[in-house]
Amino acid sequence: MRKIEHQSFDQERALYGSDGLLIRSCAFTGPADGESALKESRNIEADDTLFNLRYPLWHDHNLIVRNSTMTEFCRAALWYSDNIEIEGTKLHGIKALRECRNVRITNCDIISPEFGWNCSSVEMKDSKAESEYFMMRSSNLHFSNVDFTGKYSFQYIENAVFEDCNFNTKDAFWHAKNVVVKNCTVRGEYLAWYCENVTFDNCTIIGTQPLCYCRGLKLIDCRMEEADLAFEKSEVEAVVLSEMISIKNPAGGKISLPAVSQIIRDDKNSKAEIIVGGRKYTCA
């Protein structure tokens, strides 16, 4: 690979169409304010590099970014690219990742609204993220030890596994399909409405009105805190280990828990079996 070290680039399409570059301790910044620095490139490795201009990594193939910084001015950094590894990097520009495939993100700090839309085969581990509409409409995801904060996350995703994560998020997992959330803490209002074939395994779920209008929902040995009006219109198989505030009109399946303050059954189509403290709850 050809090496480029300790240089600064600010012109439009500075290294457009490159093949086989090692970029080390460089900066894409300057008064010319040029965009698309490495567009249509392949076999690129960037190490200890500053990205301070727009759209640097579009339509790229076989890309490694390590120990680098993408600032808030690095808008829409990685789009339409594949075979990407990002490690030890700050991704702080809006819409940093979109329409990408085969992405591995490790030990990164992400502050990026609308991050990860329409991506496939994304692995993220040992990272922190702040975003809104995080990973929307993406598929084939595997996250482990990720700490996320923000609203409207993981909406319309498909085929995903989340392990040992901490999510502080509102309206998460809406319309999600074929998802497993294991050993995680999920805090936020209105969790996973309209989802299909989603499993929470050994999780702590915190927040109001969770898990409504779901199909194929499973909870395996989960704790639910601040959970009121849960499971409305849902088809669910759940083993809950903690007391809940209220359950409202679950459509079908079976819910087992040690205690609940209120069960609301004012819909004739609410057919789920509810077992409280080992005893089956019977409607009046």
Protein backbone atom coordinates (compact mmCIF):
# COMPACT_ATOMS: atom_id res chain seq x y z
CA MET A 1 0.00 0.00 0.00
CA ARG A 2 1.15 3.52 -0.76
CA LYS A 3 1.66 5.56 2.42
CA ILE A 4 0.53 9.11 2.99
CA GLU A 5 1.63 10.58 6.33
CA HIS A 6 1.41 13.92 8.13
CA GLN A 7 -0.39 15.73 5.33
CA SER A 8 -3.48 17.92 5.19
CA PHE A 9 -6.12 17.94 2.44
CA ASP A 10 -8.96 20.40 1.96
CA GLN A 11 -9.66 20.34 -1.77
CA GLU A 12 -12.71 18.73 -3.44
CA ARG A 13 -12.26 14.96 -4.01
CA ALA A 14 -8.69 15.18 -2.76
CA LEU A 15 -7.93 11.45 -3.09
CA TYR A 16 -10.86 10.42 -5.29
CA GLY A 17 -10.79 6.91 -6.71
CA SER A 18 -7.73 5.75 -4.78
CA ASP A 19 -6.77 2.09 -4.49
CA GLY A 20 -4.40 0.81 -1.81
CA LEU A 21 -3.65 3.71 0.53
CA LEU A 22 -2.37 3.81 4.10
CA ILE A 23 -3.26 7.25 5.46
CA ARG A 24 -1.56 7.95 8.79
CA SER A 25 -1.65 11.06 10.99
CA CYS A 26 -3.30 13.14 8.29
CA ALA A 27 -6.12 15.70 8.32
CA PHE A 28 -8.97 16.31 5.93
CA THR A 29 -9.66 19.92 6.85
CA GLY A 30 -8.95 23.46 5.68
CA PRO A 31 -10.31 26.63 4.12
CA ALA A 32 -11.15 25.13 0.71
CA ASP A 33 -13.81 23.07 2.53
CA GLY A 34 -13.81 20.39 -0.18
CA GLU A 35 -16.03 17.34 0.18
CA SER A 36 -15.90 13.66 -0.92
CA ALA A 37 -12.19 13.27 -0.19
CA LEU A 38 -11.99 9.49 -0.69
CA LYS A 39 -15.10 8.82 -2.73
CA GLU A 40 -15.11 5.73 -5.02
CA SER A 41 -11.96 4.33 -3.38
CA ARG A 42 -10.98 0.83 -2.28
CA ASN A 43 -8.46 -0.87 0.02
CA ILE A 44 -8.04 2.19 2.24
CA GLU A 45 -6.63 2.25 5.76
CA ALA A 46 -6.81 5.45 7.83
CA ASP A 47 -5.00 5.63 11.16
CA ASP A 48 -4.84 8.58 13.58
CA THR A 49 -6.55 10.79 11.03
CA LEU A 50 -8.87 13.80 11.37
CA PHE A 51 -11.97 13.95 9.18
CA ASN A 52 -13.42 17.47 9.39
CA LEU A 53 -15.12 17.77 5.98
CA ARG A 54 -18.31 16.37 4.46
CA TYR A 55 -18.94 13.01 2.76
CA PRO A 56 -15.38 11.62 2.88
CA LEU A 57 -16.06 7.88 2.48
CA TRP A 58 -18.81 7.21 -0.05
CA HIS A 59 -18.96 4.20 -2.39
CA ASP A 60 -15.82 2.72 -0.84
CA HIS A 61 -14.83 -0.95 -0.58
CA ASN A 62 -12.52 -2.58 1.97
CA LEU A 63 -12.02 0.24 4.43
CA ILE A 64 -10.29 0.35 7.84
CA VAL A 65 -10.49 3.40 10.13
CA ARG A 66 -8.56 3.29 13.41
CA ASN A 67 -7.92 5.74 16.22
CA SER A 68 -9.37 8.61 14.23
CA THR A 69 -11.85 11.45 14.69
CA MET A 70 -14.83 12.41 12.58
CA THR A 71 -15.96 15.80 13.87
CA GLU A 72 -19.44 17.34 13.89
CA PHE A 73 -18.54 18.93 10.54
CA CYS A 74 -17.88 15.52 9.01
CA ARG A 75 -21.45 15.12 7.83
CA ALA A 76 -22.63 11.79 6.38
CA ALA A 77 -19.18 10.23 6.58
CA LEU A 78 -19.77 6.65 5.37
CA TRP A 79 -22.49 5.96 2.81
CA TYR A 80 -22.95 3.21 0.20
CA SER A 81 -19.78 1.40 1.30
CA ASP A 82 -18.96 -2.18 2.29
CA ASN A 83 -16.42 -4.30 4.15
CA ILE A 84 -15.69 -1.70 6.80
CA GLU A 85 -13.79 -1.89 10.10
CA ILE A 86 -13.92 1.05 12.49
CA GLU A 87 -11.97 0.85 15.74
CA GLY A 88 -11.18 3.32 18.52
CA THR A 89 -12.76 6.17 16.58
CA LYS A 90 -15.06 9.12 17.32
CA LEU A 91 -17.98 9.38 14.90
CA HIS A 92 -19.49 12.74 15.80
CA GLY A 93 -21.11 13.91 12.57
CA ILE A 94 -24.79 13.56 11.73
CA LYS A 95 -25.83 10.53 9.65
CA ALA A 96 -22.36 9.00 9.97
CA LEU A 97 -23.29 5.55 8.59
CA ARG A 98 -25.97 4.76 6.00
CA GLU A 99 -26.66 2.19 3.26
CA CYS A 100 -23.53 0.20 4.19
CA ARG A 101 -22.83 -3.56 4.36
CA ASN A 102 -20.48 -5.76 6.37
CA VAL A 103 -19.47 -3.27 9.05
CA ARG A 104 -17.55 -3.96 12.26
CA ILE A 105 -17.45 -1.20 14.90
CA THR A 106 -15.31 -1.71 18.02
CA ASN A 107 -14.50 0.57 20.95
CA CYS A 108 -15.99 3.63 19.30
CA ASP A 109 -17.70 6.79 20.54
CA ILE A 110 -20.72 7.71 18.43
CA ILE A 111 -22.64 10.98 18.67
CA SER A 112 -24.63 10.98 15.46
CA PRO A 113 -28.35 11.56 14.87
CA GLU A 114 -29.88 9.23 12.27
CA PHE A 115 -26.95 6.83 12.46
CA GLY A 116 -27.00 3.47 10.68
CA TRP A 117 -30.08 3.67 8.47
CA ASN A 118 -30.66 0.90 5.92
CA CYS A 119 -27.46 -0.96 6.76
CA SER A 120 -26.93 -4.74 6.78
CA SER A 121 -24.56 -7.07 8.60
CA VAL A 122 -23.37 -4.64 11.27
CA GLU A 123 -21.42 -5.82 14.31
CA MET A 124 -20.90 -3.33 17.14
CA LYS A 125 -19.17 -4.05 20.44
CA ASP A 126 -17.59 -2.26 23.40
CA SER A 127 -18.93 1.10 22.20
CA LYS A 128 -21.04 4.08 23.28
CA ALA A 129 -23.63 5.79 21.13
CA GLU A 130 -25.95 8.80 21.29
CA SER A 131 -28.44 9.15 18.47
CA GLU A 132 -32.04 9.54 17.36
CA TYR A 133 -33.62 7.02 15.00
CA PHE A 134 -30.55 4.83 15.53
CA MET A 135 -30.13 1.90 13.08
CA MET A 136 -33.56 2.38 11.51
CA ARG A 137 -34.54 -0.23 8.88
CA SER A 138 -31.26 -2.12 9.24
CA SER A 139 -30.85 -5.89 9.30
CA ASN A 140 -28.52 -8.67 10.45
CA LEU A 141 -27.19 -6.82 13.49
CA HIS A 142 -25.08 -8.16 16.36
CA PHE A 143 -24.40 -5.78 19.24
CA SER A 144 -22.53 -6.63 22.43
CA ASN A 145 -21.57 -4.40 25.36
CA VAL A 146 -23.02 -1.28 23.75
CA ASP A 147 -24.22 1.65 25.86
CA PHE A 148 -26.86 3.61 23.95
CA THR A 149 -28.80 6.80 24.75
CA GLY A 150 -31.41 8.39 22.51
CA LYS A 151 -34.97 8.23 21.16
CA TYR A 152 -36.62 6.06 18.52
CA SER A 153 -33.89 3.44 18.26
CA PHE A 154 -33.93 0.14 16.32
CA GLN A 155 -37.21 0.83 14.56
CA TYR A 156 -38.12 -1.52 11.68
CA ILE A 157 -34.94 -3.61 12.16
CA GLU A 158 -34.85 -7.30 11.24
CA ASN A 159 -32.72 -10.29 12.28
CA ALA A 160 -30.73 -8.90 15.19
CA VAL A 161 -29.07 -10.03 18.43
CA PHE A 162 -28.23 -7.70 21.33
CA GLU A 163 -26.18 -9.02 24.26
CA ASP A 164 -24.98 -7.38 27.49
CA CYS A 165 -26.11 -3.92 26.39
CA ASN A 166 -27.54 -0.93 28.23
CA PHE A 167 -30.20 1.03 26.34
CA ASN A 168 -31.80 4.24 27.61
CA THR A 169 -34.25 4.88 24.82
CA LYS A 170 -37.85 5.82 24.06
CA ASP A 171 -40.03 4.10 21.42
CA ALA A 172 -37.36 1.46 20.79
CA PHE A 173 -37.79 -1.65 18.62
CA TRP A 174 -41.07 -0.51 17.05
CA HIS A 175 -42.02 -2.87 14.19
CA ALA A 176 -38.85 -4.91 14.80
CA LYS A 177 -38.82 -8.49 13.48
CA ASN A 178 -36.82 -11.56 14.52
CA VAL A 179 -34.82 -10.01 17.33
CA VAL A 180 -33.19 -11.43 20.49
CA VAL A 181 -32.28 -9.12 23.38
CA LYS A 182 -30.27 -11.00 26.01
CA ASN A 183 -28.78 -9.93 29.36
CA CYS A 184 -29.62 -6.29 28.67
CA THR A 185 -31.14 -3.37 30.52
CA VAL A 186 -33.69 -1.49 28.45
CA ARG A 187 -35.08 1.73 29.92
CA GLY A 188 -37.70 3.84 28.15
CA GLU A 189 -41.35 4.42 27.37
CA TYR A 190 -43.48 2.43 24.92
CA LEU A 191 -41.01 -0.37 24.26
CA ALA A 192 -41.30 -2.49 21.13
CA TRP A 193 -44.84 -1.78 20.02
CA TYR A 194 -45.96 -3.66 16.89
CA CYS A 195 -42.93 -5.96 16.97
CA GLU A 196 -42.93 -9.53 15.67
CA ASN A 197 -40.93 -12.53 16.93
CA VAL A 198 -38.93 -10.56 19.49
CA THR A 199 -37.45 -12.29 22.56
CA PHE A 200 -36.18 -10.64 25.75
CA ASP A 201 -34.04 -13.12 27.71
CA ASN A 202 -32.82 -12.32 31.25
CA CYS A 203 -33.38 -8.60 30.75
CA THR A 204 -34.45 -5.73 32.96
CA ILE A 205 -37.16 -3.68 31.28
CA ILE A 206 -37.98 -0.28 32.78
CA GLY A 207 -40.74 2.11 31.73
CA THR A 208 -44.40 2.72 31.07
CA GLN A 209 -46.68 0.88 28.62
CA PRO A 210 -44.21 -1.66 27.25
CA LEU A 211 -44.73 -4.36 24.66
CA CYS A 212 -48.12 -3.60 23.14
CA TYR A 213 -49.60 -4.85 19.84
CA CYS A 214 -46.87 -7.50 19.55
CA ARG A 215 -46.90 -10.89 17.81
CA GLY A 216 -44.66 -13.80 18.74
CA LEU A 217 -43.33 -11.94 21.78
CA LYS A 218 -41.35 -13.87 24.41
CA LEU A 219 -39.97 -12.84 27.79
CA ILE A 220 -37.68 -15.33 29.50
CA ASP A 221 -36.91 -14.65 33.18
CA CYS A 222 -37.11 -10.88 32.87
CA ARG A 223 -37.65 -8.18 35.45
CA MET A 224 -40.09 -5.35 34.68
CA GLU A 225 -39.98 -2.07 36.60
CA GLU A 226 -42.38 0.89 36.37
CA ALA A 227 -44.39 -1.29 33.98
CA ASP A 228 -48.02 -0.29 33.73
CA LEU A 229 -50.60 -1.06 31.02
CA ALA A 230 -48.26 -3.70 29.66
CA PHE A 231 -48.91 -6.21 26.86
CA GLU A 232 -52.04 -4.53 25.49
CA LYS A 233 -53.31 -6.44 22.41
CA SER A 234 -50.14 -8.59 22.38
CA GLU A 235 -49.67 -12.30 21.78
CA VAL A 236 -47.04 -13.15 24.37
CA GLU A 237 -45.33 -15.94 26.28
CA ALA A 238 -43.74 -14.35 29.35
CA VAL A 239 -42.07 -15.35 32.59
CA VAL A 240 -41.62 -12.18 34.65
CA LEU A 241 -39.67 -12.35 37.91
CA SER A 242 -40.82 -9.09 39.47
CA GLU A 243 -44.08 -7.45 40.50
CA MET A 244 -45.74 -5.31 37.85
CA ILE A 245 -48.04 -2.29 38.16
CA SER A 246 -50.64 -3.36 35.63
CA ILE A 247 -51.38 -5.62 32.67
CA LYS A 248 -54.00 -4.57 30.13
CA ASN A 249 -55.91 -6.81 27.72
CA PRO A 250 -53.20 -9.17 26.43
CA ALA A 251 -54.59 -10.84 23.32
CA GLY A 252 -53.19 -14.35 23.70
CA GLY A 253 -50.53 -16.58 25.16
CA LYS A 254 -49.45 -16.91 28.78
CA ILE A 255 -48.00 -14.48 31.33
CA SER A 256 -46.55 -15.73 34.61
CA LEU A 257 -45.40 -13.36 37.35
CA PRO A 258 -45.22 -13.24 41.17
CA ALA A 259 -47.53 -10.25 41.69
CA VAL A 260 -49.37 -7.48 39.86
CA SER A 261 -51.29 -4.52 41.28
CA GLN A 262 -53.97 -4.47 38.59
CA ILE A 263 -55.19 -6.60 35.72
CA ILE A 264 -57.43 -4.77 33.27
CA ARG A 265 -59.78 -6.97 31.25
CA ASP A 266 -62.30 -4.76 29.47
CA ASP A 267 -61.87 -6.22 25.98
CA LYS A 268 -63.67 -9.45 25.13
CA ASN A 269 -60.80 -10.42 22.81
CA SER A 270 -58.30 -10.48 25.65
CA LYS A 271 -57.66 -14.23 25.85
CA ALA A 272 -54.16 -14.55 27.33
CA GLU A 273 -53.71 -16.72 30.40
CA ILE A 274 -52.34 -14.79 33.37
CA ILE A 275 -50.82 -16.67 36.30
CA VAL A 276 -50.09 -14.61 39.40
CA GLY A 277 -48.13 -16.21 42.22
CA GLY A 278 -48.84 -19.64 40.79
CA ARG A 279 -52.59 -19.09 40.53
CA LYS A 280 -54.46 -18.54 37.31
CA TYR A 281 -56.24 -15.21 37.11
CA THR A 282 -59.90 -15.52 36.14
CA CYS A 283 -61.99 -12.69 34.74
CA ALA A 284 -65.05 -11.64 36.72
